[in-house]
Amino acid sequence: METAALRDILVKLSDDDHRAILGQMMIMANARDRVSRKNLAFQVQNSLLALIEKHQIDVEPGKAIEHISRLSRLRKTYRLIFGKSLFKAMSKLYKRTEELKKNDGIP
């Protein structure tokens, strides 16, 4: 699945906001039933739109929103793979944030 539109938006966000969206997507991927995943997908979409507006990112969020909806409908085996990739991405962001704090001397 092509997720370039979503990635383009996420890389323009601050690390904290990026991690927040990934965290919400991980919760969505781990939800047991389809209705919960659908409701969580709407929350992720709303959060993403709010962050786009807050940071005044000049993008068309339509495809990214569509991808979030598709990701919420994945079968369990694919959601497990998706969840693992989200965890790896969050780990990289956390590590980068910790390295930046260390290099800047921030406790």
Protein backbone atom coordinates (compact mmCIF):
# COMPACT_ATOMS: atom_id res chain seq x y z
CA MET A 1 0.00 0.00 0.00
CA GLU A 2 1.32 3.39 -0.92
CA THR A 3 1.56 5.56 2.19
CA ALA A 4 3.72 8.35 0.82
CA ALA A 5 1.07 11.03 1.46
CA LEU A 6 0.90 10.08 5.13
CA ARG A 7 4.68 9.90 5.50
CA ASP A 8 5.06 13.33 3.86
CA ILE A 9 2.82 14.85 6.51
CA LEU A 10 4.39 12.99 9.43
CA VAL A 11 7.95 14.04 8.61
CA LYS A 12 6.88 17.69 8.65
CA LEU A 13 5.61 17.40 12.23
CA SER A 14 7.67 17.83 15.37
CA ASP A 15 8.98 14.59 16.90
CA ASP A 16 6.45 14.80 19.74
CA ASP A 17 3.49 15.24 17.39
CA HIS A 18 4.86 12.57 15.06
CA ARG A 19 5.13 10.12 17.96
CA ALA A 20 1.64 11.02 19.16
CA ILE A 21 0.10 10.18 15.77
CA LEU A 22 2.11 6.95 15.52
CA GLY A 23 1.00 6.03 19.05
CA GLN A 24 -2.64 6.60 18.16
CA MET A 25 -2.19 4.50 15.04
CA MET A 26 -0.62 1.72 17.10
CA ILE A 27 -3.60 1.74 19.46
CA MET A 28 -5.86 1.62 16.42
CA ALA A 29 -3.95 -1.33 14.95
CA ASN A 30 -4.19 -3.25 18.22
CA ALA A 31 -7.92 -2.71 18.75
CA ARG A 32 -9.80 -6.00 18.79
CA ASP A 33 -12.95 -5.24 16.88
CA ARG A 34 -13.62 -3.42 13.64
CA VAL A 35 -15.94 -0.83 15.19
CA SER A 36 -13.28 0.22 17.72
CA ARG A 37 -10.65 0.46 14.99
CA LYS A 38 -13.00 2.54 12.86
CA ASN A 39 -13.72 4.94 15.75
CA LEU A 40 -10.00 5.17 16.55
CA ALA A 41 -9.26 5.84 12.87
CA PHE A 42 -11.60 8.84 13.02
CA GLN A 43 -9.74 10.10 16.10
CA VAL A 44 -6.37 9.70 14.34
CA GLN A 45 -7.70 11.49 11.28
CA ASN A 46 -9.03 14.37 13.38
CA SER A 47 -5.74 14.64 15.29
CA LEU A 48 -3.77 14.65 12.06
CA LEU A 49 -5.98 17.35 10.53
CA ALA A 50 -5.66 19.46 13.68
CA LEU A 51 -1.86 19.16 13.58
CA ILE A 52 -1.77 20.06 9.88
CA GLU A 53 -3.78 23.17 10.65
CA LYS A 54 -1.76 23.99 13.79
CA HIS A 55 1.59 23.75 11.98
CA GLN A 56 0.17 25.29 8.80
CA ILE A 57 1.51 22.45 6.66
CA ASP A 58 0.73 23.00 3.00
CA VAL A 59 -0.47 19.53 1.97
CA GLU A 60 -3.60 17.89 0.70
CA PRO A 61 -4.54 15.50 3.52
CA GLY A 62 -7.13 13.54 1.51
CA LYS A 63 -4.90 10.60 0.59
CA ALA A 64 -3.37 10.43 4.08
CA ILE A 65 -6.84 10.32 5.63
CA GLU A 66 -7.85 7.62 3.16
CA HIS A 67 -4.78 5.54 4.11
CA ILE A 68 -5.57 5.76 7.81
CA SER A 69 -9.05 4.46 7.08
CA ARG A 70 -7.62 1.59 5.01
CA LEU A 71 -5.09 0.73 7.70
CA SER A 72 -7.89 0.40 10.24
CA ARG A 73 -9.51 -2.27 8.07
CA LEU A 74 -6.48 -4.53 7.69
CA ARG A 75 -6.76 -8.18 8.62
CA LYS A 76 -5.19 -9.26 11.88
CA THR A 77 -1.99 -10.68 10.37
CA TYR A 78 -1.37 -7.46 8.45
CA ARG A 79 -2.22 -5.33 11.47
CA LEU A 80 0.43 -7.21 13.46
CA ILE A 81 3.03 -6.40 10.81
CA PHE A 82 1.79 -2.81 10.67
CA GLY A 83 1.99 -2.53 14.48
CA LYS A 84 5.58 -3.78 14.47
CA SER A 85 6.57 -1.20 11.86
CA LEU A 86 4.87 1.53 13.91
CA PHE A 87 6.78 0.42 17.00
CA LYS A 88 10.09 0.56 15.08
CA ALA A 89 9.29 4.05 13.80
CA MET A 90 8.37 5.24 17.30
CA SER A 91 11.56 3.75 18.70
CA LYS A 92 13.65 5.60 16.11
CA LEU A 93 11.91 8.88 16.95
CA TYR A 94 12.41 8.34 20.67
CA LYS A 95 16.08 7.51 20.16
CA ARG A 96 16.58 10.60 17.98
CA THR A 97 14.89 12.79 20.60
CA GLU A 98 17.08 11.36 23.37
CA GLU A 99 20.23 11.95 21.29
CA LEU A 100 19.19 15.54 20.60
CA LYS A 101 18.57 16.13 24.30
CA LYS A 102 21.96 14.64 25.14
CA ASN A 103 23.77 16.75 22.56
CA ASP A 104 21.99 19.94 23.65
CA GLY A 105 22.69 19.27 27.32
CA ILE A 106 19.01 19.14 28.22
CA PRO A 107 18.32 16.86 31.20
